[in-house]
């Protein structure tokens, strides 16, 4: 983008805008598909973003958190635990492959 924000911030802005458009126009597109569209638009705007570690972290953790919504319950503490475990598990392979292996 023109503003030269970090890749994770660009992902969050585009995802937020697409989710709001989806809700406003009542398109009934799943959140995962909106995340895929977000990644597609960002890669289309700058194909070198796929080498940015922040983009990879942001997209994989977002995917993990969206995918893990089915494990949530009405308990707030339990939901915090599930969120942090899922974020850790989806970011662990990226951390290991880029920094330790």
N, C-alpha and C. Protein backbone atom coordinates (compact mmCIF):
# COMPACT_ATOMS: atom_id res chain seq x y z
N UNK A 1 0.82 -1.19 0.00
CA UNK A 1 0.00 0.00 0.00
C UNK A 1 0.86 1.25 0.00
N UNK A 2 0.25 2.34 -0.25
CA UNK A 2 0.97 3.61 -0.34
C UNK A 2 1.49 4.05 1.03
N UNK A 3 0.79 3.70 2.08
CA UNK A 3 1.13 4.19 3.41
C UNK A 3 2.34 3.52 4.01
N UNK A 4 2.80 2.41 3.45
CA UNK A 4 3.99 1.70 3.90
C UNK A 4 3.86 1.21 5.33
N UNK A 5 2.68 0.74 5.71
CA UNK A 5 2.49 0.11 7.01
C UNK A 5 3.09 -1.28 7.00
N UNK A 6 3.19 -1.87 8.18
CA UNK A 6 3.68 -3.24 8.25
C UNK A 6 2.64 -4.18 7.64
N UNK A 7 3.09 -5.36 7.27
CA UNK A 7 2.21 -6.31 6.60
C UNK A 7 1.08 -6.76 7.50
N UNK A 8 1.35 -6.93 8.78
CA UNK A 8 0.29 -7.37 9.68
C UNK A 8 -0.78 -6.29 9.86
N UNK A 9 -0.36 -5.04 9.88
CA UNK A 9 -1.34 -3.95 9.98
C UNK A 9 -2.16 -3.84 8.71
N UNK A 10 -1.52 -4.00 7.56
CA UNK A 10 -2.27 -4.01 6.30
C UNK A 10 -3.29 -5.15 6.27
N UNK A 11 -2.89 -6.32 6.75
CA UNK A 11 -3.80 -7.45 6.80
C UNK A 11 -5.00 -7.15 7.68
N UNK A 12 -4.76 -6.57 8.83
CA UNK A 12 -5.86 -6.29 9.74
C UNK A 12 -6.80 -5.21 9.19
N UNK A 13 -6.26 -4.21 8.52
CA UNK A 13 -7.10 -3.15 7.95
C UNK A 13 -7.96 -3.69 6.82
N UNK A 14 -7.34 -4.43 5.91
CA UNK A 14 -8.10 -4.98 4.77
C UNK A 14 -9.13 -6.00 5.26
N UNK A 15 -8.75 -6.84 6.22
CA UNK A 15 -9.70 -7.82 6.76
C UNK A 15 -10.88 -7.12 7.43
N UNK A 16 -10.62 -6.08 8.19
CA UNK A 16 -11.69 -5.33 8.84
C UNK A 16 -12.63 -4.72 7.82
N UNK A 17 -12.08 -4.10 6.79
CA UNK A 17 -12.91 -3.46 5.77
C UNK A 17 -13.75 -4.50 5.03
N UNK A 18 -13.14 -5.62 4.66
CA UNK A 18 -13.89 -6.66 3.95
C UNK A 18 -14.96 -7.30 4.83
N UNK A 19 -14.68 -7.47 6.11
CA UNK A 19 -15.69 -8.01 7.02
C UNK A 19 -16.87 -7.05 7.19
N UNK A 20 -16.56 -5.75 7.26
CA UNK A 20 -17.64 -4.75 7.37
C UNK A 20 -18.48 -4.70 6.09
N UNK A 21 -17.84 -4.80 4.94
CA UNK A 21 -18.58 -4.82 3.67
C UNK A 21 -19.45 -6.07 3.61
N UNK A 22 -18.90 -7.19 4.03
CA UNK A 22 -19.64 -8.46 4.05
C UNK A 22 -20.88 -8.35 4.94
N UNK A 23 -20.72 -7.73 6.10
CA UNK A 23 -21.84 -7.59 7.03
C UNK A 23 -22.86 -6.56 6.52
N UNK A 24 -22.37 -5.46 5.99
CA UNK A 24 -23.27 -4.38 5.54
C UNK A 24 -24.10 -4.80 4.34
N UNK A 25 -23.49 -5.52 3.40
CA UNK A 25 -24.20 -5.93 2.20
C UNK A 25 -24.87 -7.30 2.36
N UNK A 26 -24.70 -7.92 3.53
CA UNK A 26 -25.29 -9.21 3.84
C UNK A 26 -24.94 -10.26 2.77
N UNK A 27 -23.64 -10.40 2.53
CA UNK A 27 -23.15 -11.32 1.50
C UNK A 27 -23.03 -12.75 2.00
N UNK A 28 -23.00 -12.95 3.31
CA UNK A 28 -22.89 -14.26 3.94
C UNK A 28 -21.66 -15.05 3.48
N UNK A 29 -20.54 -14.36 3.36
CA UNK A 29 -19.27 -15.01 3.05
C UNK A 29 -18.62 -15.37 4.38
N UNK A 30 -18.10 -16.58 4.49
CA UNK A 30 -17.49 -17.01 5.74
C UNK A 30 -16.24 -16.18 6.04
N UNK A 31 -15.89 -16.13 7.31
CA UNK A 31 -14.75 -15.34 7.74
C UNK A 31 -13.45 -15.89 7.16
N UNK A 32 -13.35 -17.20 7.04
CA UNK A 32 -12.15 -17.79 6.43
C UNK A 32 -12.00 -17.37 4.98
N UNK A 33 -13.10 -17.33 4.24
CA UNK A 33 -13.03 -16.91 2.85
C UNK A 33 -12.66 -15.43 2.74
N UNK A 34 -13.13 -14.63 3.68
CA UNK A 34 -12.75 -13.21 3.70
C UNK A 34 -11.26 -13.08 4.01
N UNK A 35 -10.74 -13.94 4.89
CA UNK A 35 -9.30 -13.93 5.16
C UNK A 35 -8.52 -14.32 3.91
N UNK A 36 -8.99 -15.31 3.18
CA UNK A 36 -8.33 -15.70 1.92
C UNK A 36 -8.36 -14.56 0.91
N UNK A 37 -9.49 -13.87 0.82
CA UNK A 37 -9.57 -12.70 -0.08
C UNK A 37 -8.60 -11.61 0.34
N UNK A 38 -8.47 -11.41 1.65
CA UNK A 38 -7.53 -10.42 2.16
C UNK A 38 -6.11 -10.76 1.76
N UNK A 39 -5.74 -12.02 1.96
CA UNK A 39 -4.39 -12.44 1.58
C UNK A 39 -4.18 -12.29 0.07
N UNK A 40 -5.20 -12.64 -0.72
CA UNK A 40 -5.11 -12.52 -2.17
C UNK A 40 -4.89 -11.06 -2.58
N UNK A 41 -5.67 -10.14 -2.02
CA UNK A 41 -5.53 -8.73 -2.37
C UNK A 41 -4.16 -8.17 -1.96
N UNK A 42 -3.68 -8.59 -0.80
CA UNK A 42 -2.38 -8.09 -0.35
C UNK A 42 -1.25 -8.64 -1.20
N UNK A 43 -1.33 -9.91 -1.58
CA UNK A 43 -0.31 -10.49 -2.44
C UNK A 43 -0.39 -9.88 -3.84
N UNK A 44 -1.60 -9.59 -4.28
CA UNK A 44 -1.77 -8.96 -5.59
C UNK A 44 -1.19 -7.55 -5.61
N UNK A 45 -1.33 -6.83 -4.51
CA UNK A 45 -0.81 -5.46 -4.46
C UNK A 45 0.71 -5.43 -4.32
N UNK A 46 1.28 -6.44 -3.65
CA UNK A 46 2.73 -6.50 -3.48
C UNK A 46 3.11 -7.97 -3.32
N UNK A 47 3.61 -8.57 -4.37
CA UNK A 47 3.89 -10.00 -4.34
C UNK A 47 5.06 -10.35 -3.43
N UNK A 48 5.90 -9.42 -3.08
CA UNK A 48 7.02 -9.70 -2.18
C UNK A 48 6.59 -9.82 -0.72
N UNK A 49 5.33 -9.54 -0.45
CA UNK A 49 4.83 -9.63 0.92
C UNK A 49 4.84 -11.07 1.43
N UNK A 50 4.86 -12.04 0.51
CA UNK A 50 4.86 -13.44 0.96
C UNK A 50 6.17 -13.82 1.62
N UNK A 51 7.21 -13.01 1.47
CA UNK A 51 8.48 -13.26 2.14
C UNK A 51 8.60 -12.51 3.46
N UNK A 52 7.61 -11.70 3.78
CA UNK A 52 7.63 -10.93 5.03
C UNK A 52 7.17 -11.82 6.17
N UNK A 53 8.00 -11.93 7.20
CA UNK A 53 7.68 -12.81 8.32
C UNK A 53 6.46 -12.32 9.09
N UNK A 54 6.25 -11.02 9.14
CA UNK A 54 5.08 -10.47 9.82
C UNK A 54 3.79 -10.86 9.12
N UNK A 55 3.82 -10.88 7.80
CA UNK A 55 2.65 -11.29 7.02
C UNK A 55 2.35 -12.77 7.26
N UNK A 56 3.38 -13.59 7.27
CA UNK A 56 3.19 -15.02 7.47
C UNK A 56 2.64 -15.29 8.87
N UNK A 57 3.23 -14.65 9.87
CA UNK A 57 2.71 -14.80 11.24
C UNK A 57 1.27 -14.34 11.34
N UNK A 58 1.00 -13.17 10.82
CA UNK A 58 -0.33 -12.58 10.95
C UNK A 58 -1.40 -13.44 10.29
N UNK A 59 -1.13 -13.91 9.10
CA UNK A 59 -2.12 -14.72 8.39
C UNK A 59 -2.30 -16.09 9.02
N UNK A 60 -1.22 -16.71 9.45
CA UNK A 60 -1.35 -18.05 10.04
C UNK A 60 -2.03 -18.00 11.39
N UNK A 61 -1.70 -17.03 12.22
CA UNK A 61 -2.35 -16.92 13.53
C UNK A 61 -3.80 -16.51 13.36
N UNK A 62 -4.10 -15.63 12.42
CA UNK A 62 -5.50 -15.26 12.16
C UNK A 62 -6.29 -16.47 11.70
N UNK A 63 -5.70 -17.27 10.82
CA UNK A 63 -6.36 -18.49 10.38
C UNK A 63 -6.62 -19.41 11.56
N UNK A 64 -5.64 -19.58 12.41
CA UNK A 64 -5.79 -20.45 13.57
C UNK A 64 -6.86 -19.98 14.53
N UNK A 65 -6.93 -18.68 14.76
CA UNK A 65 -7.93 -18.15 15.69
C UNK A 65 -9.33 -18.23 15.10
N UNK A 66 -9.46 -18.00 13.81
CA UNK A 66 -10.77 -18.12 13.17
C UNK A 66 -11.20 -19.57 13.15
N UNK A 67 -10.26 -20.45 12.85
CA UNK A 67 -10.57 -21.89 12.78
C UNK A 67 -10.92 -22.46 14.15
N UNK A 68 -10.35 -21.91 15.21
CA UNK A 68 -10.56 -22.47 16.55
C UNK A 68 -11.80 -21.91 17.25
N UNK A 69 -12.60 -21.13 16.58
CA UNK A 69 -13.81 -20.60 17.22
C UNK A 69 -14.76 -21.68 17.68
N UNK A 70 -14.71 -22.84 17.05
CA UNK A 70 -15.63 -23.91 17.44
C UNK A 70 -15.29 -24.49 18.80
N UNK A 71 -14.11 -24.20 19.33
CA UNK A 71 -13.73 -24.70 20.65
C UNK A 71 -14.13 -23.75 21.77
N UNK A 72 -14.65 -22.59 21.44
CA UNK A 72 -14.99 -21.60 22.46
C UNK A 72 -16.25 -22.01 23.21
N UNK A 73 -16.27 -21.65 24.47
CA UNK A 73 -17.42 -21.89 25.33
C UNK A 73 -17.85 -20.56 25.95
N UNK A 74 -18.76 -20.60 26.91
CA UNK A 74 -19.22 -19.37 27.56
C UNK A 74 -18.31 -18.93 28.70
N UNK A 75 -17.27 -19.68 28.99
CA UNK A 75 -16.34 -19.36 30.07
C UNK A 75 -15.23 -18.45 29.55
N UNK A 76 -15.10 -17.26 30.13
CA UNK A 76 -14.15 -16.27 29.67
C UNK A 76 -12.71 -16.74 29.84
N UNK A 77 -12.40 -17.29 30.99
CA UNK A 77 -11.03 -17.75 31.25
C UNK A 77 -10.66 -18.89 30.31
N UNK A 78 -11.57 -19.79 30.08
CA UNK A 78 -11.34 -20.90 29.15
C UNK A 78 -11.08 -20.37 27.74
N UNK A 79 -11.85 -19.38 27.33
CA UNK A 79 -11.66 -18.79 25.99
C UNK A 79 -10.30 -18.10 25.87
N UNK A 80 -9.85 -17.44 26.91
CA UNK A 80 -8.51 -16.85 26.90
C UNK A 80 -7.43 -17.92 26.75
N UNK A 81 -7.61 -19.01 27.47
CA UNK A 81 -6.66 -20.11 27.40
C UNK A 81 -6.62 -20.71 25.99
N UNK A 82 -7.80 -20.97 25.41
CA UNK A 82 -7.86 -21.54 24.07
C UNK A 82 -7.24 -20.59 23.05
N UNK A 83 -7.52 -19.31 23.16
CA UNK A 83 -6.97 -18.32 22.23
C UNK A 83 -5.45 -18.29 22.29
N UNK A 84 -4.90 -18.27 23.48
CA UNK A 84 -3.44 -18.20 23.59
C UNK A 84 -2.78 -19.50 23.15
N UNK A 85 -3.39 -20.64 23.44
CA UNK A 85 -2.82 -21.92 23.00
C UNK A 85 -2.86 -22.02 21.48
N UNK A 86 -3.96 -21.64 20.87
CA UNK A 86 -4.07 -21.71 19.41
C UNK A 86 -3.10 -20.75 18.73
N UNK A 87 -2.96 -19.54 19.26
CA UNK A 87 -2.01 -18.60 18.68
C UNK A 87 -0.59 -19.15 18.79
N UNK A 88 -0.27 -19.77 19.92
CA UNK A 88 1.05 -20.38 20.08
C UNK A 88 1.26 -21.53 19.11
N UNK A 89 0.28 -22.41 18.99
CA UNK A 89 0.43 -23.58 18.13
C UNK A 89 0.54 -23.22 16.65
N UNK A 90 -0.19 -22.20 16.22
CA UNK A 90 -0.12 -21.82 14.81
C UNK A 90 1.10 -20.96 14.48
N UNK A 91 1.73 -20.36 15.49
CA UNK A 91 2.93 -19.58 15.23
C UNK A 91 4.21 -20.39 15.48
N UNK A 92 4.11 -21.50 16.18
CA UNK A 92 5.29 -22.30 16.51
C UNK A 92 6.04 -22.82 15.28
N UNK A 93 5.38 -23.40 14.27
CA UNK A 93 6.16 -23.88 13.12
C UNK A 93 6.91 -22.77 12.38
N UNK A 94 6.33 -21.61 12.32
CA UNK A 94 6.99 -20.49 11.64
C UNK A 94 8.21 -20.04 12.45
N UNK A 95 8.05 -19.96 13.76
CA UNK A 95 9.16 -19.57 14.62
C UNK A 95 10.29 -20.58 14.53
N UNK A 96 9.96 -21.86 14.59
CA UNK A 96 11.00 -22.89 14.54
C UNK A 96 11.71 -22.90 13.20
N UNK A 97 10.97 -22.78 12.11
CA UNK A 97 11.60 -22.86 10.79
C UNK A 97 12.42 -21.62 10.46
N UNK A 98 12.09 -20.48 10.99
CA UNK A 98 12.80 -19.27 10.65
C UNK A 98 13.92 -18.90 11.62
N UNK A 99 13.82 -19.35 12.85
CA UNK A 99 14.79 -18.90 13.84
C UNK A 99 15.62 -20.01 14.46
N UNK A 100 15.16 -21.25 14.41
CA UNK A 100 15.87 -22.31 15.11
C UNK A 100 16.35 -23.45 14.25
N UNK A 101 15.77 -23.65 13.10
CA UNK A 101 16.18 -24.79 12.27
C UNK A 101 17.01 -24.35 11.08
